[in-house]
Protein backbone atom coordinates (compact mmCIF):
# COMPACT_ATOMS: atom_id res chain seq x y z
CA MET A 1 -5.55 -13.03 12.55
CA PRO A 2 -5.41 -12.14 8.53
CA ARG A 3 -2.32 -11.13 7.17
CA TYR A 4 -2.32 -7.79 4.67
CA PHE A 5 0.38 -6.53 2.45
CA PHE A 6 0.78 -3.25 1.54
CA HIS A 7 2.20 -2.92 -2.02
CA VAL A 8 3.77 0.85 -3.10
CA THR A 9 4.14 2.03 -6.68
CA ASP A 10 6.19 5.50 -6.52
CA GLY A 11 7.74 5.09 -10.02
CA TYR A 12 8.78 1.88 -8.73
CA PHE A 13 7.03 -1.16 -7.54
CA THR A 14 7.70 -2.01 -4.02
CA ARG A 15 6.13 -5.61 -2.75
CA ASP A 16 5.51 -6.01 0.56
CA THR A 17 6.75 -9.61 1.40
CA GLU A 18 6.53 -9.73 5.47
CA GLY A 19 2.82 -8.32 5.29
CA THR A 20 1.09 -7.21 8.72
CA GLU A 21 -1.32 -9.14 10.80
CA LEU A 22 -4.67 -7.34 11.56
CA PRO A 23 -7.66 -8.18 12.95
CA ASP A 24 -9.97 -7.21 9.87
CA ILE A 25 -10.21 -5.25 6.78
CA TYR A 26 -11.03 -2.23 8.53
CA ALA A 27 -7.90 -2.01 10.44
CA ALA A 28 -6.31 -2.48 7.14
CA GLN A 29 -7.83 0.34 5.68
CA ASP A 30 -6.68 2.48 8.82
CA GLN A 31 -3.42 1.38 8.42
CA ALA A 32 -3.11 2.04 4.60
CA ILE A 33 -3.94 5.88 5.52
CA ARG A 34 -1.30 5.80 7.98
CA THR A 35 1.41 4.03 6.09
CA SER A 36 0.67 6.17 3.10
CA GLY A 37 0.65 9.59 5.10
CA GLU A 38 4.06 8.28 6.81
CA ILE A 39 5.47 7.77 3.32
CA LEU A 40 4.47 10.84 1.39
CA ARG A 41 5.46 12.87 4.17
CA ASP A 42 9.17 11.04 3.93
CA MET A 43 9.13 11.88 0.21
CA GLY A 44 8.80 15.48 0.89
CA ALA A 45 9.53 17.55 -2.26
CA LYS A 46 10.08 14.20 -4.38
CA PHE A 47 6.29 13.74 -4.21
CA TRP A 48 5.97 16.60 -6.63
CA ASN A 49 8.18 15.19 -9.61
CA GLY A 50 4.62 14.34 -11.40
CA THR A 51 4.83 10.80 -10.56
CA ASN A 52 1.68 8.87 -9.18
CA TRP A 53 1.80 7.13 -6.31
CA LYS A 54 -0.25 4.24 -5.12
CA LEU A 55 -0.86 1.81 -2.13
CA GLU A 56 -2.40 -1.31 -2.63
CA VAL A 57 -3.49 -3.62 -0.09
CA ALA A 58 -3.67 -7.35 -0.74
CA ASP A 59 -5.01 -10.16 1.23
CA GLU A 60 -2.76 -13.61 2.07
CA HIS A 61 -4.13 -14.91 -1.75
CA ASP A 62 -2.34 -11.67 -3.38
CA GLN A 63 -6.02 -10.44 -4.21
CA ILE A 64 -6.10 -6.75 -4.42
CA LEU A 65 -8.75 -5.61 -1.62
CA PHE A 66 -8.34 -1.64 -2.04
CA THR A 67 -6.08 1.19 -3.48
CA LEU A 68 -5.19 4.39 -2.50
CA ARG A 69 -3.96 6.81 -4.93
CA PHE A 70 -2.24 10.11 -4.80
CA SER A 71 -0.85 12.42 -7.11
CA ALA A 72 0.29 16.00 -7.25
CA GLU A 73 -0.25 18.91 -10.18
CA GLU A 74 0.91 22.43 -9.83
CA GLN A 75 -0.95 24.90 -11.84
CA VAL A 76 0.64 27.70 -13.83
CA VAL A 77 -0.20 30.91 -11.93
CA LEU A 78 -0.07 34.02 -14.04
CA PRO A 79 0.78 37.05 -12.31
CA ASP A 80 -1.68 40.07 -11.81
CA LEU A 81 -0.41 42.69 -13.87
CA GLY A 82 -3.02 45.26 -12.27
CA LEU A 83 -5.11 45.31 -15.53
CA ASP A 84 -8.81 45.66 -14.91
CA SER A 85 -10.26 43.57 -17.59
CA SER A 86 -13.70 45.12 -17.22
CA ALA A 87 -12.23 48.45 -18.28
CA PRO A 88 -13.21 50.18 -21.92
């Protein structure tokens, strides 16, 4: 069974040195989604610090097969002052 490595960059690079044996790339894609969700959930408010986050999945030859990228960007919301912009 092939071994896949899940490397995370979230301001720091964390190399997966053990990897996970999975039947095929489709199982690796499924695992990548699950792993990303778990990590992002655990990050909580730290995710909102503006750091781009990614998970790269590599094969046994350290060839990157695919990448999942996540980022968060807050928008400035101006208060509604009750002014009608269509009024003369």
